[in-house]
Amino acid sequence: MDLVVALVVSVLVLAGACFSLIAAIGINRLPDLYTRMHAASKAGTVGSGLLLLAVGVYAGDLPVLARAIAGFLFFVLTAPVSAHLLAVAARRAGYPMSEHSLHDEMKAHEESI
């Protein structure tokens, strides 16, 4: 049974580390604020959540695992909403999109109002 737990924890840690690495690369390589925020909110959330679940499974205690699952759900529910609100605030503050962006839905929405 210890081997199964160790394998599950190892898979969760490796997957979480890979998603966190992808988020870090995206933050450094993507061209503008909006795409960087997308990388941080999507891949960063999944990476942090998987690492949190790995800690919960490794602890081997049901209350710790329940808190880890609650934390994971909190990440998944709040990170996309906060990223969206930050992107809308950045758009209203005048931060430009990259010239590589193909479609500006906020501009189309503002013109229709």
PDB file of N, CA and C in Angstrom:
ATOM      1  N   MET A   1       0.817  -1.195   0.000  1.00  0.00           N
ATOM      2  CA  MET A   1       0.000   0.000   0.000  1.00  0.00           C
ATOM      3  C   MET A   1       0.859   1.255   0.000  1.00  0.00           C
ATOM      4  N   ASP A   2       2.002   1.181   0.694  1.00  0.00           N
ATOM      5  CA  ASP A   2       2.895   2.335   0.719  1.00  0.00           C
ATOM      6  C   ASP A   2       3.439   2.645  -0.671  1.00  0.00           C
ATOM      7  N   LEU A   3       3.658   1.604  -1.470  1.00  0.00           N
ATOM      8  CA  LEU A   3       4.150   1.812  -2.830  1.00  0.00           C
ATOM      9  C   LEU A   3       3.116   2.527  -3.686  1.00  0.00           C
ATOM     10  N   VAL A   4       1.855   2.176  -3.515  1.00  0.00           N
ATOM     11  CA  VAL A   4       0.781   2.827  -4.283  1.00  0.00           C
ATOM     12  C   VAL A   4       0.691   4.303  -3.915  1.00  0.00           C
ATOM     13  N   VAL A   5       0.740   4.611  -2.630  1.00  0.00           N
ATOM     14  CA  VAL A   5       0.689   6.006  -2.182  1.00  0.00           C
ATOM     15  C   VAL A   5       1.897   6.770  -2.706  1.00  0.00           C
ATOM     16  N   ALA A   6       3.068   6.151  -2.644  1.00  0.00           N
ATOM     17  CA  ALA A   6       4.279   6.805  -3.151  1.00  0.00           C
ATOM     18  C   ALA A   6       4.173   7.073  -4.648  1.00  0.00           C
ATOM     19  N   LEU A   7       3.617   6.135  -5.402  1.00  0.00           N
ATOM     20  CA  LEU A   7       3.451   6.348  -6.845  1.00  0.00           C
ATOM     21  C   LEU A   7       2.442   7.452  -7.146  1.00  0.00           C
ATOM     22  N   VAL A   8       1.340   7.466  -6.415  1.00  0.00           N
ATOM     23  CA  VAL A   8       0.333   8.509  -6.618  1.00  0.00           C
ATOM     24  C   VAL A   8       0.909   9.881  -6.289  1.00  0.00           C
ATOM     25  N   VAL A   9       1.612   9.967  -5.164  1.00  0.00           N
ATOM     26  CA  VAL A   9       2.227  11.235  -4.768  1.00  0.00           C
ATOM     27  C   VAL A   9       3.269  11.663  -5.805  1.00  0.00           C
ATOM     28  N   SER A  10       4.056  10.709  -6.280  1.00  0.00           N
ATOM     29  CA  SER A  10       5.076  11.033  -7.284  1.00  0.00           C
ATOM     30  C   SER A  10       4.458  11.562  -8.567  1.00  0.00           C
ATOM     31  N   VAL A  11       3.387  10.927  -9.017  1.00  0.00           N
ATOM     32  CA  VAL A  11       2.712  11.381 -10.243  1.00  0.00           C
ATOM     33  C   VAL A  11       2.122  12.770 -10.035  1.00  0.00           C
ATOM     34  N   LEU A  12       1.487  12.998  -8.890  1.00  0.00           N
ATOM     35  CA  LEU A  12       0.910  14.314  -8.615  1.00  0.00           C
ATOM     36  C   LEU A  12       1.977  15.396  -8.531  1.00  0.00           C
ATOM     37  N   VAL A  13       3.089  15.100  -7.878  1.00  0.00           N
ATOM     38  CA  VAL A  13       4.168  16.085  -7.764  1.00  0.00           C
ATOM     39  C   VAL A  13       4.778  16.383  -9.131  1.00  0.00           C
ATOM     40  N   LEU A  14       5.040  15.355  -9.914  1.00  0.00           N
ATOM     41  CA  LEU A  14       5.618  15.580 -11.249  1.00  0.00           C
ATOM     42  C   LEU A  14       4.667  16.344 -12.163  1.00  0.00           C
ATOM     43  N   ALA A  15       3.388  15.979 -12.137  1.00  0.00           N
ATOM     44  CA  ALA A  15       2.417  16.695 -12.964  1.00  0.00           C
ATOM     45  C   ALA A  15       2.284  18.144 -12.502  1.00  0.00           C
ATOM     46  N   GLY A  16       2.213  18.364 -11.192  1.00  0.00           N
ATOM     47  CA  GLY A  16       2.125  19.721 -10.671  1.00  0.00           C
ATOM     48  C   GLY A  16       3.351  20.547 -11.001  1.00  0.00           C
ATOM     49  N   ALA A  17       4.523  19.931 -10.905  1.00  0.00           N
ATOM     50  CA  ALA A  17       5.755  20.643 -11.243  1.00  0.00           C
ATOM     51  C   ALA A  17       5.805  20.976 -12.731  1.00  0.00           C
ATOM     52  N   CYS A  18       5.347  20.060 -13.576  1.00  0.00           N
ATOM     53  CA  CYS A  18       5.319  20.330 -15.024  1.00  0.00           C
ATOM     54  C   CYS A  18       4.371  21.474 -15.355  1.00  0.00           C
ATOM     55  N   PHE A  19       3.177  21.470 -14.771  1.00  0.00           N
ATOM     56  CA  PHE A  19       2.241  22.563 -15.020  1.00  0.00           C
ATOM     57  C   PHE A  19       2.783  23.885 -14.491  1.00  0.00           C
ATOM     58  N   SER A  20       3.432  23.863 -13.336  1.00  0.00           N
ATOM     59  CA  SER A  20       4.024  25.085 -12.795  1.00  0.00           C
ATOM     60  C   SER A  20       5.160  25.588 -13.670  1.00  0.00           C
ATOM     61  N   LEU A  21       5.951  24.670 -14.207  1.00  0.00           N
ATOM     62  CA  LEU A  21       7.023  25.064 -15.125  1.00  0.00           C
ATOM     63  C   LEU A  21       6.454  25.670 -16.399  1.00  0.00           C
ATOM     64  N   ILE A  22       5.403  25.074 -16.934  1.00  0.00           N
ATOM     65  CA  ILE A  22       4.759  25.621 -18.132  1.00  0.00           C
ATOM     66  C   ILE A  22       4.219  27.023 -17.843  1.00  0.00           C
ATOM     67  N   ALA A  23       3.633  27.223 -16.667  1.00  0.00           N
ATOM     68  CA  ALA A  23       3.133  28.549 -16.301  1.00  0.00           C
ATOM     69  C   ALA A  23       4.276  29.555 -16.198  1.00  0.00           C
ATOM     70  N   ALA A  24       5.387  29.152 -15.607  1.00  0.00           N
ATOM     71  CA  ALA A  24       6.532  30.054 -15.480  1.00  0.00           C
ATOM     72  C   ALA A  24       7.116  30.406 -16.845  1.00  0.00           C
ATOM     73  N   ILE A  25       7.207  29.428 -17.722  1.00  0.00           N
ATOM     74  CA  ILE A  25       7.705  29.700 -19.071  1.00  0.00           C
ATOM     75  C   ILE A  25       6.741  30.628 -19.801  1.00  0.00           C
ATOM     76  N   GLY A  26       5.443  30.394 -19.644  1.00  0.00           N
ATOM     77  CA  GLY A  26       4.455  31.255 -20.279  1.00  0.00           C
ATOM     78  C   GLY A  26       4.523  32.682 -19.781  1.00  0.00           C
ATOM     79  N   ILE A  27       4.725  32.855 -18.485  1.00  0.00           N
ATOM     80  CA  ILE A  27       4.828  34.208 -17.937  1.00  0.00           C
ATOM     81  C   ILE A  27       6.048  34.926 -18.506  1.00  0.00           C
ATOM     82  N   ASN A  28       7.137  34.207 -18.711  1.00  0.00           N
ATOM     83  CA  ASN A  28       8.350  34.829 -19.233  1.00  0.00           C
ATOM     84  C   ASN A  28       8.346  35.026 -20.744  1.00  0.00           C
ATOM     85  N   ARG A  29       7.657  34.154 -21.477  1.00  0.00           N
ATOM     86  CA  ARG A  29       7.776  34.181 -22.930  1.00  0.00           C
ATOM     87  C   ARG A  29       6.619  34.839 -23.674  1.00  0.00           C
ATOM     88  N   LEU A  30       5.446  34.895 -23.082  1.00  0.00           N
ATOM     89  CA  LEU A  30       4.288  35.414 -23.807  1.00  0.00           C
ATOM     90  C   LEU A  30       4.373  36.940 -23.944  1.00  0.00           C
ATOM     91  N   PRO A  31       3.763  37.494 -24.999  1.00  0.00           N
ATOM     92  CA  PRO A  31       4.056  38.876 -25.375  1.00  0.00           C
ATOM     93  C   PRO A  31       3.375  39.972 -24.566  1.00  0.00           C
ATOM     94  N   ASP A  32       2.202  39.747 -24.004  1.00  0.00           N
ATOM     95  CA  ASP A  32       1.540  40.859 -23.333  1.00  0.00           C
ATOM     96  C   ASP A  32       0.923  40.424 -22.005  1.00  0.00           C
ATOM     97  N   LEU A  33       0.401  41.393 -21.307  1.00  0.00           N
ATOM     98  CA  LEU A  33      -0.162  41.167 -19.978  1.00  0.00           C
ATOM     99  C   LEU A  33      -1.278  40.136 -19.994  1.00  0.00           C
ATOM    100  N   TYR A  34      -2.118  40.173 -20.998  1.00  0.00           N
ATOM    101  CA  TYR A  34      -3.301  39.315 -21.031  1.00  0.00           C
ATOM    102  C   TYR A  34      -2.935  37.842 -21.242  1.00  0.00           C
ATOM    103  N   THR A  35      -2.015  37.567 -22.128  1.00  0.00           N
ATOM    104  CA  THR A  35      -1.618  36.177 -22.347  1.00  0.00           C
ATOM    105  C   THR A  35      -0.779  35.658 -21.184  1.00  0.00           C
ATOM    106  N   ARG A  36       0.004  36.526 -20.565  1.00  0.00           N
ATOM    107  CA  ARG A  36       0.759  36.111 -19.374  1.00  0.00           C
ATOM    108  C   ARG A  36      -0.185  35.773 -18.231  1.00  0.00           C
ATOM    109  N   MET A  37      -1.229  36.593 -18.086  1.00  0.00           N
ATOM    110  CA  MET A  37      -2.205  36.321 -17.039  1.00  0.00           C
ATOM    111  C   MET A  37      -2.943  35.014 -17.310  1.00  0.00           C
ATOM    112  N   HIS A  38      -3.178  34.713 -18.569  1.00  0.00           N
ATOM    113  CA  HIS A  38      -3.824  33.461 -18.936  1.00  0.00           C
ATOM    114  C   HIS A  38      -2.952  32.270 -18.533  1.00  0.00           C
ATOM    115  N   ALA A  39      -1.655  32.359 -18.817  1.00  0.00           N
ATOM    116  CA  ALA A  39      -0.744  31.271 -18.448  1.00  0.00           C
ATOM    117  C   ALA A  39      -0.693  31.084 -16.938  1.00  0.00           C
ATOM    118  N   ALA A  40      -0.636  32.195 -16.223  1.00  0.00           N
ATOM    119  CA  ALA A  40      -0.551  32.100 -14.766  1.00  0.00           C
ATOM    120  C   ALA A  40      -1.842  31.557 -14.160  1.00  0.00           C
ATOM    121  N   SER A  41      -2.968  31.958 -14.718  1.00  0.00           N
ATOM    122  CA  SER A  41      -4.229  31.535 -14.100  1.00  0.00           C
ATOM    123  C   SER A  41      -4.603  30.103 -14.462  1.00  0.00           C
ATOM    124  N   LYS A  42      -4.278  29.640 -15.637  1.00  0.00           N
ATOM    125  CA  LYS A  42      -4.663  28.282 -16.034  1.00  0.00           C
ATOM    126  C   LYS A  42      -3.630  27.260 -15.558  1.00  0.00           C
ATOM    127  N   ALA A  43      -2.430  27.332 -16.107  1.00  0.00           N
ATOM    128  CA  ALA A  43      -1.417  26.324 -15.771  1.00  0.00           C
ATOM    129  C   ALA A  43      -0.949  26.465 -14.324  1.00  0.00           C
ATOM    130  N   GLY A  44      -0.850  27.690 -13.840  1.00  0.00           N
ATOM    131  CA  GLY A  44      -0.440  27.888 -12.455  1.00  0.00           C
ATOM    132  C   GLY A  44      -1.443  27.336 -11.460  1.00  0.00           C
ATOM    133  N   THR A  45      -2.720  27.475 -11.769  1.00  0.00           N
ATOM    134  CA  THR A  45      -3.757  26.947 -10.899  1.00  0.00           C
ATOM    135  C   THR A  45      -3.728  25.432 -10.858  1.00  0.00           C
ATOM    136  N   VAL A  46      -3.611  24.814 -12.013  1.00  0.00           N
ATOM    137  CA  VAL A  46      -3.565  23.349 -12.057  1.00  0.00           C
ATOM    138  C   VAL A  46      -2.306  22.840 -11.353  1.00  0.00           C
ATOM    139  N   GLY A  47      -1.169  23.472 -11.602  1.00  0.00           N
ATOM    140  CA  GLY A  47       0.072  23.052 -10.958  1.00  0.00           C
ATOM    141  C   GLY A  47       0.019  23.180  -9.448  1.00  0.00           C
ATOM    142  N   SER A  48      -0.465  24.309  -8.958  1.00  0.00           N
ATOM    143  CA  SER A  48      -0.572  24.502  -7.509  1.00  0.00           C
ATOM    144  C   SER A  48      -1.558  23.523  -6.891  1.00  0.00           C
ATOM    145  N   GLY A  49      -2.664  23.307  -7.588  1.00  0.00           N
ATOM    146  CA  GLY A  49      -3.663  22.375  -7.072  1.00  0.00           C
ATOM    147  C   GLY A  49      -3.156  20.953  -6.992  1.00  0.00           C
ATOM    148  N   LEU A  50      -2.435  20.514  -8.017  1.00  0.00           N
ATOM    149  CA  LEU A  50      -1.889  19.154  -7.998  1.00  0.00           C
ATOM    150  C   LEU A  50      -0.836  18.985  -6.900  1.00  0.00           C
ATOM    151  N   LEU A  51      -0.018  20.002  -6.696  1.00  0.00           N
ATOM    152  CA  LEU A  51       0.963  19.926  -5.612  1.00  0.00           C
ATOM    153  C   LEU A  51       0.279  19.902  -4.251  1.00  0.00           C
ATOM    154  N   LEU A  52      -0.795  20.653  -4.116  1.00  0.00           N
ATOM    155  CA  LEU A  52      -1.549  20.639  -2.865  1.00  0.00           C
ATOM    156  C   LEU A  52      -2.194  19.275  -2.627  1.00  0.00           C
ATOM    157  N   LEU A  53      -2.730  18.675  -3.669  1.00  0.00           N
ATOM    158  CA  LEU A  53      -3.287  17.332  -3.530  1.00  0.00           C
ATOM    159  C   LEU A  53      -2.212  16.310  -3.184  1.00  0.00           C
ATOM    160  N   ALA A  54      -1.013  16.476  -3.740  1.00  0.00           N
ATOM    161  CA  ALA A  54       0.082  15.565  -3.406  1.00  0.00           C
ATOM    162  C   ALA A  54       0.429  15.641  -1.927  1.00  0.00           C
ATOM    163  N   VAL A  55       0.431  16.837  -1.384  1.00  0.00           N
ATOM    164  CA  VAL A  55       0.697  16.994   0.047  1.00  0.00           C
ATOM    165  C   VAL A  55      -0.399  16.326   0.874  1.00  0.00           C
ATOM    166  N   GLY A  56      -1.650  16.487   0.448  1.00  0.00           N
ATOM    167  CA  GLY A  56      -2.759  15.871   1.172  1.00  0.00           C
ATOM    168  C   GLY A  56      -2.700  14.359   1.155  1.00  0.00           C
ATOM    169  N   VAL A  57      -2.354  13.787  -0.004  1.00  0.00           N
ATOM    170  CA  VAL A  57      -2.243  12.322  -0.103  1.00  0.00           C
ATOM    171  C   VAL A  57      -1.046  11.836   0.701  1.00  0.00           C
ATOM    172  N   TYR A  58       0.063  12.555   0.640  1.00  0.00           N
ATOM    173  CA  TYR A  58       1.270  12.144   1.347  1.00  0.00           C
ATOM    174  C   TYR A  58       1.063  12.161   2.866  1.00  0.00           C
ATOM    175  N   ALA A  59       0.267  13.103   3.349  1.00  0.00           N
ATOM    176  CA  ALA A  59       0.050  13.203   4.793  1.00  0.00           C
ATOM    177  C   ALA A  59      -0.611  11.943   5.337  1.00  0.00           C
ATOM    178  N   GLY A  60      -1.455  11.303   4.553  1.00  0.00           N
ATOM    179  CA  GLY A  60      -2.085  10.068   4.985  1.00  0.00           C
ATOM    180  C   GLY A  60      -3.137  10.245   6.053  1.00  0.00           C
ATOM    181  N   ASP A  61      -3.572  11.456   6.245  1.00  0.00           N
ATOM    182  CA  ASP A  61      -4.561  11.760   7.270  1.00  0.00           C
ATOM    183  C   ASP A  61      -5.789  12.341   6.577  1.00  0.00           C
ATOM    184  N   LEU A  62      -6.966  11.821   6.887  1.00  0.00           N
ATOM    185  CA  LEU A  62      -8.186  12.231   6.200  1.00  0.00           C
ATOM    186  C   LEU A  62      -8.502  13.715   6.375  1.00  0.00           C
ATOM    187  N   PRO A  63      -8.372  14.308   7.557  1.00  0.00           N
ATOM    188  CA  PRO A  63      -8.639  15.752   7.669  1.00  0.00           C
ATOM    189  C   PRO A  63      -7.679  16.607   6.831  1.00  0.00           C
ATOM    190  N   VAL A  64      -6.424  16.190   6.744  1.00  0.00           N
ATOM    191  CA  VAL A  64      -5.459  16.933   5.931  1.00  0.00           C
ATOM    192  C   VAL A  64      -5.818  16.800   4.445  1.00  0.00           C
ATOM    193  N   LEU A  65      -6.188  15.600   4.035  1.00  0.00           N
ATOM    194  CA  LEU A  65      -6.602  15.390   2.644  1.00  0.00           C
ATOM    195  C   LEU A  65      -7.856  16.192   2.323  1.00  0.00           C
ATOM    196  N   ALA A  66      -8.809  16.246   3.257  1.00  0.00           N
ATOM    197  CA  ALA A  66     -10.034  17.024   3.036  1.00  0.00           C
ATOM    198  C   ALA A  66      -9.713  18.507   2.887  1.00  0.00           C
ATOM    199  N   ARG A  67      -8.795  19.015   3.685  1.00  0.00           N
ATOM    200  CA  ARG A  67      -8.392  20.425   3.554  1.00  0.00           C
ATOM    201  C   ARG A  67      -7.656  20.672   2.246  1.00  0.00           C
ATOM    202  N   ALA A  68      -6.852  19.707   1.825  1.00  0.00           N
ATOM    203  CA  ALA A  68      -6.150  19.849   0.551  1.00  0.00           C
ATOM    204  C   ALA A  68      -7.138  19.872  -0.619  1.00  0.00           C
ATOM    205  N   ILE A  69      -8.148  19.029  -0.555  1.00  0.00           N
ATOM    206  CA  ILE A  69      -9.171  19.023  -1.613  1.00  0.00           C
ATOM    207  C   ILE A  69      -9.956  20.331  -1.583  1.00  0.00           C
ATOM    208  N   ALA A  70     -10.275  20.822  -0.391  1.00  0.00           N
ATOM    209  CA  ALA A  70     -10.974  22.105  -0.279  1.00  0.00           C
ATOM    210  C   ALA A  70     -10.115  23.240  -0.839  1.00  0.00           C
ATOM    211  N   GLY A  71      -8.820  23.207  -0.558  1.00  0.00           N
ATOM    212  CA  GLY A  71      -7.913  24.210  -1.114  1.00  0.00           C
ATOM    213  C   GLY A  71      -7.823  24.129  -2.627  1.00  0.00           C
ATOM    214  N   PHE A  72      -7.786  22.907  -3.159  1.00  0.00           N
ATOM    215  CA  PHE A  72      -7.765  22.711  -4.606  1.00  0.00           C
ATOM    216  C   PHE A  72      -9.030  23.289  -5.244  1.00  0.00           C
ATOM    217  N   LEU A  73     -10.183  22.995  -4.644  1.00  0.00           N
ATOM    218  CA  LEU A  73     -11.432  23.542  -5.176  1.00  0.00           C
ATOM    219  C   LEU A  73     -11.458  25.061  -5.082  1.00  0.00           C
ATOM    220  N   PHE A  74     -10.903  25.612  -4.015  1.00  0.00           N
ATOM    221  CA  PHE A  74     -10.821  27.065  -3.872  1.00  0.00           C
ATOM    222  C   PHE A  74      -9.966  27.660  -4.987  1.00  0.00           C
ATOM    223  N   PHE A  75      -8.814  27.045  -5.266  1.00  0.00           N
ATOM    224  CA  PHE A  75      -7.964  27.496  -6.376  1.00  0.00           C
ATOM    225  C   PHE A  75      -8.723  27.475  -7.694  1.00  0.00           C
ATOM    226  N   VAL A  76      -9.364  26.357  -7.965  1.00  0.00           N
ATOM    227  CA  VAL A  76     -10.032  26.176  -9.254  1.00  0.00           C
ATOM    228  C   VAL A  76     -11.187  27.160  -9.424  1.00  0.00           C
ATOM    229  N   LEU A  77     -11.878  27.479  -8.349  1.00  0.00           N
ATOM    230  CA  LEU A  77     -13.021  28.384  -8.449  1.00  0.00           C
ATOM    231  C   LEU A  77     -12.636  29.861  -8.456  1.00  0.00           C
ATOM    232  N   THR A  78     -11.572  30.230  -7.782  1.00  0.00           N
ATOM    233  CA  THR A  78     -11.262  31.652  -7.647  1.00  0.00           C
ATOM    234  C   THR A  78     -10.230  32.181  -8.634  1.00  0.00           C
ATOM    235  N   ALA A  79      -9.283  31.388  -9.064  1.00  0.00           N
ATOM    236  CA  ALA A  79      -8.228  31.894  -9.941  1.00  0.00           C
ATOM    237  C   ALA A  79      -8.752  32.373 -11.294  1.00  0.00           C
ATOM    238  N   PRO A  80      -9.610  31.636 -11.992  1.00  0.00           N
ATOM    239  CA  PRO A  80     -10.105  32.163 -13.277  1.00  0.00           C
ATOM    240  C   PRO A  80     -10.933  33.440 -13.126  1.00  0.00           C
ATOM    241  N   VAL A  81     -11.710  33.527 -12.049  1.00  0.00           N
ATOM    242  CA  VAL A  81     -12.529  34.720 -11.833  1.00  0.00           C
ATOM    243  C   VAL A  81     -11.644  35.926 -11.555  1.00  0.00           C
ATOM    244  N   SER A  82     -10.642  35.751 -10.705  1.00  0.00           N
ATOM    245  CA  SER A  82      -9.751  36.875 -10.402  1.00  0.00           C
ATOM    246  C   SER A  82      -8.921  37.277 -11.613  1.00  0.00           C
ATOM    247  N   ALA A  83      -8.495  36.319 -12.421  1.00  0.00           N
ATOM    248  CA  ALA A  83      -7.748  36.658 -13.637  1.00  0.00           C
ATOM    249  C   ALA A  83      -8.628  37.434 -14.608  1.00  0.00           C
ATOM    250  N   HIS A  84      -9.882  37.043 -14.728  1.00  0.00           N
ATOM    251  CA  HIS A  84     -10.796  37.767 -15.611  1.00  0.00           C
ATOM    252  C   HIS A  84     -10.999  39.206 -15.132  1.00  0.00           C
ATOM    253  N   LEU A  85     -11.211  39.374 -13.836  1.00  0.00           N
ATOM    254  CA  LEU A  85     -11.408  40.718 -13.302  1.00  0.00           C
ATOM    255  C   LEU A  85     -10.162  41.578 -13.457  1.00  0.00           C
ATOM    256  N   LEU A  86      -8.987  40.992 -13.269  1.00  0.00           N
ATOM    257  CA  LEU A  86      -7.749  41.740 -13.477  1.00  0.00           C
ATOM    258  C   LEU A  86      -7.565  42.124 -14.946  1.00  0.00           C
ATOM    259  N   ALA A  87      -7.934  41.227 -15.857  1.00  0.00           N
ATOM    260  CA  ALA A  87      -7.815  41.532 -17.283  1.00  0.00           C
ATOM    261  C   ALA A  87      -8.766  42.653 -17.684  1.00  0.00           C
ATOM    262  N   VAL A  88      -9.974  42.641 -17.157  1.00  0.00           N
ATOM    263  CA  VAL A  88     -10.920  43.718 -17.461  1.00  0.00           C
ATOM    264  C   VAL A  88     -10.412  45.040 -16.903  1.00  0.00           C
ATOM    265  N   ALA A  89      -9.869  45.022 -15.692  1.00  0.00           N
ATOM    266  CA  ALA A  89      -9.322  46.244 -15.102  1.00  0.00           C
ATOM    267  C   ALA A  89      -8.120  46.751 -15.899  1.00  0.00           C
ATOM    268  N   ALA A  90      -7.265  45.833 -16.348  1.00  0.00           N
ATOM    269  CA  ALA A  90      -6.109  46.240 -17.153  1.00  0.00           C
ATOM    270  C   ALA A  90      -6.562  46.820 -18.484  1.00  0.00           C
ATOM    271  N   ARG A  91      -7.586  46.239 -19.069  1.00  0.00           N
ATOM    272  CA  ARG A  91      -8.119  46.749 -20.341  1.00  0.00           C
ATOM    273  C   ARG A  91      -8.666  48.153 -20.167  1.00  0.00           C
ATOM    274  N   ARG A  92      -9.417  48.358 -19.091  1.00  0.00           N
ATOM    275  CA  ARG A  92      -9.983  49.693 -18.835  1.00  0.00           C
ATOM    276  C   ARG A  92      -8.909  50.708 -18.479  1.00  0.00           C
ATOM    277  N   ALA A  93      -7.797  50.256 -17.900  1.00  0.00           N
ATOM    278  CA  ALA A  93      -6.691  51.157 -17.568  1.00  0.00           C
ATOM    279  C   ALA A  93      -5.862  51.514 -18.800  1.00  0.00           C
ATOM    280  N   GLY A  94      -6.066  50.787 -19.902  1.00  0.00           N
ATOM    281  CA  GLY A  94      -5.397  51.144 -21.142  1.00  0.00           C
ATOM    282  C   GLY A  94      -4.198  50.304 -21.519  1.00  0.00           C
ATOM    283  N   TYR A  95      -4.003  49.163 -20.879  1.00  0.00           N
ATOM    284  CA  TYR A  95      -2.898  48.299 -21.272  1.00  0.00           C
ATOM    285  C   TYR A  95      -3.182  47.714 -22.652  1.00  0.00           C
ATOM    286  N   PRO A  96      -2.272  47.893 -23.597  1.00  0.00           N
ATOM    287  CA  PRO A  96      -2.538  47.427 -24.967  1.00  0.00           C
ATOM    288  C   PRO A  96      -2.358  45.919 -25.114  1.00  0.00           C
ATOM    289  N   MET A  97      -3.048  45.380 -26.091  1.00  0.00           N
ATOM    290  CA  MET A  97      -2.858  43.982 -26.455  1.00  0.00           C
ATOM    291  C   MET A  97      -1.663  43.890 -27.395  1.00  0.00           C
ATOM    292  N   SER A  98      -1.093  42.720 -27.501  1.00  0.00           N
ATOM    293  CA  SER A  98       0.021  42.491 -28.408  1.00  0.00           C
ATOM    294  C   SER A  98      -0.456  42.589 -29.853  1.00  0.00           C
ATOM    295  N   GLU A  99       0.438  42.946 -30.734  1.00  0.00           N
ATOM    296  CA  GLU A  99       0.082  42.987 -32.160  1.00  0.00           C
ATOM    297  C   GLU A  99      -0.131  41.588 -32.717  1.00  0.00           C
ATOM    298  N   HIS A 100       0.284  40.570 -31.976  1.00  0.00           N
ATOM    299  CA  HIS A 100       0.085  39.183 -32.395  1.00  0.00           C
ATOM    300  C   HIS A 100      -1.321  38.678 -32.074  1.00  0.00           C
ATOM    301  N   SER A 101      -2.054  39.422 -31.253  1.00  0.00           N
ATOM    302  CA  SER A 101      -3.411  39.010 -30.897  1.00  0.00           C
ATOM    303  C   SER A 101      -4.313  39.131 -32.122  1.00  0.00           C
ATOM    304  N   LEU A 102      -5.141  38.140 -32.327  1.00  0.00           N
ATOM    305  CA  LEU A 102      -5.966  38.100 -33.523  1.00  0.00           C
ATOM    306  C   LEU A 102      -7.328  38.754 -33.334  1.00  0.00           C
ATOM    307  N   HIS A 103      -7.881  38.677 -32.145  1.00  0.00           N
ATOM    308  CA  HIS A 103      -9.244  39.150 -31.946  1.00  0.00           C
ATOM    309  C   HIS A 103      -9.364  39.819 -30.583  1.00  0.00           C
ATOM    310  N   ASP A 104      -9.993  40.981 -30.566  1.00  0.00           N
ATOM    311  CA  ASP A 104     -10.204  41.725 -29.324  1.00  0.00           C
ATOM    312  C   ASP A 104     -11.701  41.733 -29.023  1.00  0.00           C
ATOM    313  N   GLU A 105     -12.147  40.807 -28.197  1.00  0.00           N
ATOM    314  CA  GLU A 105     -13.574  40.712 -27.893  1.00  0.00           C
ATOM    315  C   GLU A 105     -14.063  41.888 -27.058  1.00  0.00           C
ATOM    316  N   MET A 106     -13.217  42.451 -26.221  1.00  0.00           N
ATOM    317  CA  MET A 106     -13.624  43.600 -25.425  1.00  0.00           C
ATOM    318  C   MET A 106     -13.893  44.809 -26.317  1.00  0.00           C
ATOM    319  N   LYS A 107     -13.094  45.004 -27.340  1.00  0.00           N
ATOM    320  CA  LYS A 107     -13.307  46.114 -28.264  1.00  0.00           C
ATOM    321  C   LYS A 107     -14.619  45.949 -29.013  1.00  0.00           C
ATOM    322  N   ALA A 108     -14.889  44.739 -29.464  1.00  0.00           N
ATOM    323  CA  ALA A 108     -16.156  44.478 -30.157  1.00  0.00           C
ATOM    324  C   ALA A 108     -17.339  44.699 -29.221  1.00  0.00           C
ATOM    325  N   HIS A 109     -17.174  44.316 -27.959  1.00  0.00           N
ATOM    326  CA  HIS A 109     -18.250  44.509 -26.983  1.00  0.00           C
ATOM    327  C   HIS A 109     -18.472  45.987 -26.705  1.00  0.00           C
ATOM    328  N   GLU A 110     -17.376  46.754 -26.570  1.00  0.00           N
ATOM    329  CA  GLU A 110     -17.490  48.186 -26.292  1.00  0.00           C
ATOM    330  C   GLU A 110     -18.123  48.926 -27.454  1.00  0.00           C
ATOM    331  N   GLU A 111     -17.840  48.496 -28.685  1.00  0.00           N
ATOM    332  CA  GLU A 111     -18.416  49.169 -29.844  1.00  0.00           C
ATOM    333  C   GLU A 111     -19.902  48.871 -29.998  1.00  0.00           C
ATOM    334  N   SER A 112     -20.357  47.743 -29.495  1.00  0.00           N
ATOM    335  CA  SER A 112     -21.764  47.394 -29.624  1.00  0.00           C
ATOM    336  C   SER A 112     -22.642  48.107 -28.579  1.00  0.00           C
ATOM    337  N   ILE A 113     -22.011  48.671 -27.559  1.00  0.00           N
ATOM    338  CA  ILE A 113     -22.784  49.339 -26.502  1.00  0.00           C
ATOM    339  C   ILE A 113     -23.155  50.731 -26.905  1.00  0.00           C
TER     340      ILE A 113
END
